[in-house]
PDB file of all heavy atoms in Angstrom:
ATOM      1  N   ALA A   1     169.270 -73.949-166.203  1.00  0.00           N
ATOM      2  CA  ALA A   1     170.073 -73.289-167.238  1.00  0.00           C
ATOM      3  C   ALA A   1     169.733 -73.853-168.618  1.00  0.00           C
ATOM      4  O   ALA A   1     169.593 -73.098-169.596  1.00  0.00           O
ATOM      5  CB  ALA A   1     171.562 -73.460-166.938  1.00  0.00           C
ATOM      6  N   VAL A   2     169.577 -75.163-168.704  1.00  0.00           N
ATOM      7  CA  VAL A   2     169.190 -75.801-169.966  1.00  0.00           C
ATOM      8  C   VAL A   2     167.785 -75.338-170.367  1.00  0.00           C
ATOM      9  O   VAL A   2     167.515 -75.063-171.543  1.00  0.00           O
ATOM     10  CB  VAL A   2     169.269 -77.335-169.854  1.00  0.00           C
ATOM     11  CG1 VAL A   2     168.680 -78.024-171.074  1.00  0.00           C
ATOM     12  CG2 VAL A   2     170.710 -77.776-169.623  1.00  0.00           C
ATOM     13  N   GLY A   3     166.889 -75.220-169.389  1.00  0.00           N
ATOM     14  CA  GLY A   3     165.534 -74.754-169.660  1.00  0.00           C
ATOM     15  C   GLY A   3     165.511 -73.356-170.242  1.00  0.00           C
ATOM     16  O   GLY A   3     164.695 -73.037-171.116  1.00  0.00           O
ATOM     17  N   SER A   4     166.415 -72.524-169.782  1.00  0.00           N
ATOM     18  CA  SER A   4     166.527 -71.167-170.318  1.00  0.00           C
ATOM     19  C   SER A   4     166.874 -71.207-171.799  1.00  0.00           C
ATOM     20  O   SER A   4     166.277 -70.500-172.622  1.00  0.00           O
ATOM     21  CB  SER A   4     167.588 -70.404-169.523  1.00  0.00           C
ATOM     22  OG  SER A   4     167.728 -69.101-169.986  1.00  0.00           O
ATOM     23  N   PHE A   5     167.818 -72.036-172.153  1.00  0.00           N
ATOM     24  CA  PHE A   5     168.222 -72.193-173.560  1.00  0.00           C
ATOM     25  C   PHE A   5     167.082 -72.760-174.397  1.00  0.00           C
ATOM     26  O   PHE A   5     166.793 -72.281-175.495  1.00  0.00           O
ATOM     27  CB  PHE A   5     169.462 -73.083-173.653  1.00  0.00           C
ATOM     28  CG  PHE A   5     169.889 -73.356-175.060  1.00  0.00           C
ATOM     29  CD1 PHE A   5     170.536 -72.386-175.810  1.00  0.00           C
ATOM     30  CD2 PHE A   5     169.616 -74.585-175.642  1.00  0.00           C
ATOM     31  CE1 PHE A   5     170.911 -72.639-177.126  1.00  0.00           C
ATOM     32  CE2 PHE A   5     169.993 -74.850-176.949  1.00  0.00           C
ATOM     33  CZ  PHE A   5     170.642 -73.862-177.696  1.00  0.00           C
ATOM     34  N   ILE A   6     166.417 -73.789-173.888  1.00  0.00           N
ATOM     35  CA  ILE A   6     165.314 -74.414-174.627  1.00  0.00           C
ATOM     36  C   ILE A   6     164.165 -73.429-174.810  1.00  0.00           C
ATOM     37  O   ILE A   6     163.590 -73.322-175.901  1.00  0.00           O
ATOM     38  CB  ILE A   6     164.848 -75.707-173.927  1.00  0.00           C
ATOM     39  CG1 ILE A   6     165.933 -76.777-174.019  1.00  0.00           C
ATOM     40  CG2 ILE A   6     163.533 -76.208-174.519  1.00  0.00           C
ATOM     41  CD1 ILE A   6     165.655 -78.009-173.182  1.00  0.00           C
ATOM     42  N   GLY A   7     163.818 -72.700-173.752  1.00  0.00           N
ATOM     43  CA  GLY A   7     162.736 -71.719-173.854  1.00  0.00           C
ATOM     44  C   GLY A   7     163.031 -70.657-174.894  1.00  0.00           C
ATOM     45  O   GLY A   7     162.163 -70.291-175.698  1.00  0.00           O
ATOM     46  N   ALA A   8     164.261 -70.166-174.900  1.00  0.00           N
ATOM     47  CA  ALA A   8     164.643 -69.150-175.885  1.00  0.00           C
ATOM     48  C   ALA A   8     164.600 -69.728-177.299  1.00  0.00           C
ATOM     49  O   ALA A   8     164.121 -69.069-178.232  1.00  0.00           O
ATOM     50  CB  ALA A   8     166.033 -68.610-175.574  1.00  0.00           C
ATOM     51  N   SER A   9     165.084 -70.953-177.466  1.00  0.00           N
ATOM     52  CA  SER A   9     165.083 -71.579-178.795  1.00  0.00           C
ATOM     53  C   SER A   9     163.663 -71.832-179.297  1.00  0.00           C
ATOM     54  O   SER A   9     163.347 -71.595-180.457  1.00  0.00           O
ATOM     55  CB  SER A   9     165.857 -72.897-178.758  1.00  0.00           C
ATOM     56  OG  SER A   9     167.195 -72.663-178.414  1.00  0.00           O
ATOM     57  N   LEU A  10     162.808 -72.316-178.410  1.00  0.00           N
ATOM     58  CA  LEU A  10     161.418 -72.583-178.801  1.00  0.00           C
ATOM     59  C   LEU A  10     160.666 -71.300-179.148  1.00  0.00           C
ATOM     60  O   LEU A  10     159.765 -71.311-179.988  1.00  0.00           O
ATOM     61  CB  LEU A  10     160.681 -73.305-177.677  1.00  0.00           C
ATOM     62  CG  LEU A  10     160.924 -74.796-177.529  1.00  0.00           C
ATOM     63  CD1 LEU A  10     160.214 -75.331-176.296  1.00  0.00           C
ATOM     64  CD2 LEU A  10     160.471 -75.543-178.761  1.00  0.00           C
ATOM     65  N   SER A  11     161.039 -70.199-178.507  1.00  0.00           N
ATOM     66  CA  SER A  11     160.312 -68.947-178.733  1.00  0.00           C
ATOM     67  C   SER A  11     160.487 -68.419-180.147  1.00  0.00           C
ATOM     68  O   SER A  11     159.722 -67.564-180.589  1.00  0.00           O
ATOM     69  CB  SER A  11     160.751 -67.887-177.727  1.00  0.00           C
ATOM     70  OG  SER A  11     162.048 -67.408-178.022  1.00  0.00           O
ATOM     71  N   ASP A  12     161.467 -68.939-180.861  1.00  0.00           N
ATOM     72  CA  ASP A  12     161.638 -68.562-182.260  1.00  0.00           C
ATOM     73  C   ASP A  12     160.631 -69.280-183.164  1.00  0.00           C
ATOM     74  O   ASP A  12     160.409 -68.863-184.297  1.00  0.00           O
ATOM     75  CB  ASP A  12     163.060 -68.885-182.747  1.00  0.00           C
ATOM     76  CG  ASP A  12     164.113 -68.030-182.069  1.00  0.00           C
ATOM     77  OD1 ASP A  12     163.772 -66.899-181.650  1.00  0.00           O
ATOM     78  OD2 ASP A  12     165.262 -68.492-181.959  1.00  0.00           O
ATOM     79  N   ARG A  13     160.026 -70.362-182.660  1.00  0.00           N
ATOM     80  CA  ARG A  13     159.125 -71.164-183.477  1.00  0.00           C
ATOM     81  C   ARG A  13     157.688 -71.229-182.938  1.00  0.00           C
ATOM     82  O   ARG A  13     156.776 -71.556-183.667  1.00  0.00           O
ATOM     83  CB  ARG A  13     159.678 -72.578-183.607  1.00  0.00           C
ATOM     84  CG  ARG A  13     161.009 -72.638-184.335  1.00  0.00           C
ATOM     85  CD  ARG A  13     161.509 -74.042-184.531  1.00  0.00           C
ATOM     86  NE  ARG A  13     162.068 -74.721-183.377  1.00  0.00           N
ATOM     87  CZ  ARG A  13     163.216 -74.432-182.802  1.00  0.00           C
ATOM     88  NH1 ARG A  13     163.924 -73.414-183.213  1.00  0.00           N
ATOM     89  NH2 ARG A  13     163.672 -75.127-181.790  1.00  0.00           N
ATOM     90  N   VAL A  14     157.527 -70.969-181.652  1.00  0.00           N
ATOM     91  CA  VAL A  14     156.219 -71.112-181.001  1.00  0.00           C
ATOM     92  C   VAL A  14     155.916 -69.791-180.288  1.00  0.00           C
ATOM     93  O   VAL A  14     156.828 -69.035-179.966  1.00  0.00           O
ATOM     94  CB  VAL A  14     156.261 -72.279-179.981  1.00  0.00           C
ATOM     95  CG1 VAL A  14     154.916 -72.490-179.318  1.00  0.00           C
ATOM     96  CG2 VAL A  14     156.715 -73.562-180.648  1.00  0.00           C
ATOM     97  N   SER A  15     154.670 -69.558-179.994  1.00  0.00           N
ATOM     98  CA  SER A  15     154.261 -68.350-179.289  1.00  0.00           C
ATOM     99  C   SER A  15     155.038 -68.179-177.978  1.00  0.00           C
ATOM    100  O   SER A  15     155.057 -69.069-177.130  1.00  0.00           O
ATOM    101  CB  SER A  15     152.757 -68.409-178.986  1.00  0.00           C
ATOM    102  OG  SER A  15     152.403 -67.451-178.018  1.00  0.00           O
ATOM    103  N   ARG A  16     155.658 -67.025-177.826  1.00  0.00           N
ATOM    104  CA  ARG A  16     156.419 -66.740-176.605  1.00  0.00           C
ATOM    105  C   ARG A  16     155.522 -66.762-175.374  1.00  0.00           C
ATOM    106  O   ARG A  16     155.905 -67.295-174.330  1.00  0.00           O
ATOM    107  CB  ARG A  16     157.114 -65.389-176.705  1.00  0.00           C
ATOM    108  CG  ARG A  16     158.195 -65.366-177.726  1.00  0.00           C
ATOM    109  CD  ARG A  16     158.929 -64.075-177.698  1.00  0.00           C
ATOM    110  NE  ARG A  16     158.072 -63.002-178.193  1.00  0.00           N
ATOM    111  CZ  ARG A  16     158.473 -61.775-178.427  1.00  0.00           C
ATOM    112  NH1 ARG A  16     159.716 -61.430-178.183  1.00  0.00           N
ATOM    113  NH2 ARG A  16     157.647 -60.862-178.870  1.00  0.00           N
ATOM    114  N   LEU A  17     154.331 -66.177-175.502  1.00  0.00           N
ATOM    115  CA  LEU A  17     153.435 -66.133-174.352  1.00  0.00           C
ATOM    116  C   LEU A  17     152.967 -67.530-173.957  1.00  0.00           C
ATOM    117  O   LEU A  17     152.779 -67.810-172.769  1.00  0.00           O
ATOM    118  CB  LEU A  17     152.257 -65.210-174.631  1.00  0.00           C
ATOM    119  CG  LEU A  17     152.603 -63.745-174.866  1.00  0.00           C
ATOM    120  CD1 LEU A  17     151.353 -62.920-175.097  1.00  0.00           C
ATOM    121  CD2 LEU A  17     153.416 -63.182-173.719  1.00  0.00           C
ATOM    122  N   MET A  18     152.801 -68.408-174.934  1.00  0.00           N
ATOM    123  CA  MET A  18     152.397 -69.779-174.629  1.00  0.00           C
ATOM    124  C   MET A  18     153.506 -70.499-173.851  1.00  0.00           C
ATOM    125  O   MET A  18     153.246 -71.185-172.868  1.00  0.00           O
ATOM    126  CB  MET A  18     152.064 -70.555-175.897  1.00  0.00           C
ATOM    127  CG  MET A  18     151.547 -71.958-175.631  1.00  0.00           C
ATOM    128  SD  MET A  18     151.103 -72.848-177.120  1.00  0.00           S
ATOM    129  CE  MET A  18     152.709 -73.232-177.779  1.00  0.00           C
ATOM    130  N   ILE A  19     154.742 -70.339-174.305  1.00  0.00           N
ATOM    131  CA  ILE A  19     155.869 -70.976-173.609  1.00  0.00           C
ATOM    132  C   ILE A  19     156.001 -70.423-172.189  1.00  0.00           C
ATOM    133  O   ILE A  19     156.161 -71.184-171.226  1.00  0.00           O
ATOM    134  CB  ILE A  19     157.182 -70.765-174.381  1.00  0.00           C
ATOM    135  CG1 ILE A  19     157.133 -71.489-175.723  1.00  0.00           C
ATOM    136  CG2 ILE A  19     158.382 -71.249-173.570  1.00  0.00           C
ATOM    137  CD1 ILE A  19     158.233 -71.078-176.671  1.00  0.00           C
ATOM    138  N   ALA A  20     155.916 -69.111-172.054  1.00  0.00           N
ATOM    139  CA  ALA A  20     156.064 -68.492-170.737  1.00  0.00           C
ATOM    140  C   ALA A  20     154.940 -68.934-169.800  1.00  0.00           C
ATOM    141  O   ALA A  20     155.201 -69.307-168.654  1.00  0.00           O
ATOM    142  CB  ALA A  20     156.100 -66.972-170.866  1.00  0.00           C
ATOM    143  N   SER A  21     153.699 -68.910-170.270  1.00  0.00           N
ATOM    144  CA  SER A  21     152.592 -69.290-169.391  1.00  0.00           C
ATOM    145  C   SER A  21     152.639 -70.778-169.045  1.00  0.00           C
ATOM    146  O   SER A  21     152.409 -71.156-167.901  1.00  0.00           O
ATOM    147  CB  SER A  21     151.245 -68.912-170.002  1.00  0.00           C
ATOM    148  OG  SER A  21     151.028 -69.596-171.210  1.00  0.00           O
ATOM    149  N   PHE A  22     152.952 -71.621-170.032  1.00  0.00           N
ATOM    150  CA  PHE A  22     153.034 -73.059-169.756  1.00  0.00           C
ATOM    151  C   PHE A  22     154.108 -73.356-168.712  1.00  0.00           C
ATOM    152  O   PHE A  22     153.863 -74.091-167.758  1.00  0.00           O
ATOM    153  CB  PHE A  22     153.327 -73.828-171.056  1.00  0.00           C
ATOM    154  CG  PHE A  22     153.517 -75.303-170.843  1.00  0.00           C
ATOM    155  CD1 PHE A  22     152.426 -76.130-170.629  1.00  0.00           C
ATOM    156  CD2 PHE A  22     154.786 -75.872-170.807  1.00  0.00           C
ATOM    157  CE1 PHE A  22     152.586 -77.490-170.406  1.00  0.00           C
ATOM    158  CE2 PHE A  22     154.966 -77.220-170.593  1.00  0.00           C
ATOM    159  CZ  PHE A  22     153.858 -78.032-170.393  1.00  0.00           C
ATOM    160  N   SER A  23     155.282 -72.771-168.882  1.00  0.00           N
ATOM    161  CA  SER A  23     156.363 -73.063-167.940  1.00  0.00           C
ATOM    162  C   SER A  23     156.023 -72.548-166.540  1.00  0.00           C
ATOM    163  O   SER A  23     156.300 -73.215-165.546  1.00  0.00           O
ATOM    164  CB  SER A  23     157.698 -72.498-168.430  1.00  0.00           C
ATOM    165  OG  SER A  23     157.666 -71.097-168.488  1.00  0.00           O
ATOM    166  N   LEU A  24     155.386 -71.388-166.459  1.00  0.00           N
ATOM    167  CA  LEU A  24     155.005 -70.865-165.144  1.00  0.00           C
ATOM    168  C   LEU A  24     153.934 -71.732-164.488  1.00  0.00           C
ATOM    169  O   LEU A  24     153.999 -72.012-163.292  1.00  0.00           O
ATOM    170  CB  LEU A  24     154.517 -69.417-165.261  1.00  0.00           C
ATOM    171  CG  LEU A  24     155.601 -68.367-165.497  1.00  0.00           C
ATOM    172  CD1 LEU A  24     154.985 -67.032-165.864  1.00  0.00           C
ATOM    173  CD2 LEU A  24     156.500 -68.225-164.272  1.00  0.00           C
ATOM    174  N   PHE A  25     152.943 -72.150-165.276  1.00  0.00           N
ATOM    175  CA  PHE A  25     151.893 -73.009-164.720  1.00  0.00           C
ATOM    176  C   PHE A  25     152.454 -74.349-164.247  1.00  0.00           C
ATOM    177  O   PHE A  25     151.974 -74.907-163.272  1.00  0.00           O
ATOM    178  CB  PHE A  25     150.788 -73.275-165.751  1.00  0.00           C
ATOM    179  CG  PHE A  25     149.677 -72.265-165.728  1.00  0.00           C
ATOM    180  CD1 PHE A  25     149.342 -71.598-166.885  1.00  0.00           C
ATOM    181  CD2 PHE A  25     148.973 -71.989-164.574  1.00  0.00           C
ATOM    182  CE1 PHE A  25     148.312 -70.659-166.883  1.00  0.00           C
ATOM    183  CE2 PHE A  25     147.949 -71.061-164.556  1.00  0.00           C
ATOM    184  CZ  PHE A  25     147.623 -70.391-165.719  1.00  0.00           C
ATOM    185  N   MET A  26     153.445 -74.884-164.914  1.00  0.00           N
ATOM    186  CA  MET A  26     153.980 -76.203-164.577  1.00  0.00           C
ATOM    187  C   MET A  26     154.847 -76.200-163.314  1.00  0.00           C
ATOM    188  O   MET A  26     155.079 -77.251-162.727  1.00  0.00           O
ATOM    189  CB  MET A  26     154.781 -76.763-165.756  1.00  0.00           C
ATOM    190  CG  MET A  26     153.925 -77.146-166.944  1.00  0.00           C
ATOM    191  SD  MET A  26     152.590 -78.288-166.524  1.00  0.00           S
ATOM    192  CE  MET A  26     153.507 -79.721-166.000  1.00  0.00           C
ATOM    193  N   ILE A  27     155.322 -75.043-162.897  1.00  0.00           N
ATOM    194  CA  ILE A  27     156.185 -74.984-161.722  1.00  0.00           C
ATOM    195  C   ILE A  27     155.462 -75.495-160.481  1.00  0.00           C
ATOM    196  O   ILE A  27     156.024 -76.272-159.705  1.00  0.00           O
ATOM    197  CB  ILE A  27     156.742 -73.556-161.507  1.00  0.00           C
ATOM    198  CG1 ILE A  27     157.739 -73.231-162.626  1.00  0.00           C
ATOM    199  CG2 ILE A  27     157.402 -73.428-160.144  1.00  0.00           C
ATOM    200  CD1 ILE A  27     158.191 -71.780-162.638  1.00  0.00           C
ATOM    201  N   ALA A  28     154.219 -75.084-160.276  1.00  0.00           N
ATOM    202  CA  ALA A  28     153.496 -75.494-159.066  1.00  0.00           C
ATOM    203  C   ALA A  28     153.301 -77.005-158.976  1.00  0.00           C
ATOM    204  O   ALA A  28     153.701 -77.611-157.980  1.00  0.00           O
ATOM    205  CB  ALA A  28     152.164 -74.753-158.959  1.00  0.00           C
ATOM    206  N   PRO A  29     152.714 -77.669-159.988  1.00  0.00           N
ATOM    207  CA  PRO A  29     152.526 -79.118-159.827  1.00  0.00           C
ATOM    208  C   PRO A  29     153.840 -79.889-159.735  1.00  0.00           C
ATOM    209  O   PRO A  29     153.947 -80.842-158.956  1.00  0.00           O
ATOM    210  CB  PRO A  29     151.719 -79.530-161.064  1.00  0.00           C
ATOM    211  CG  PRO A  29     151.777 -78.397-162.011  1.00  0.00           C
ATOM    212  CD  PRO A  29     152.094 -77.166-161.225  1.00  0.00           C
TER     213      PRO A  29
END
């Protein structure tokens, strides 16, 4: 739930696609 808030907040300042792809890639490891 906190990650959802952080992701939304960061998307206002950083590329949305970068945040989405990074978070998805990090789930596996």
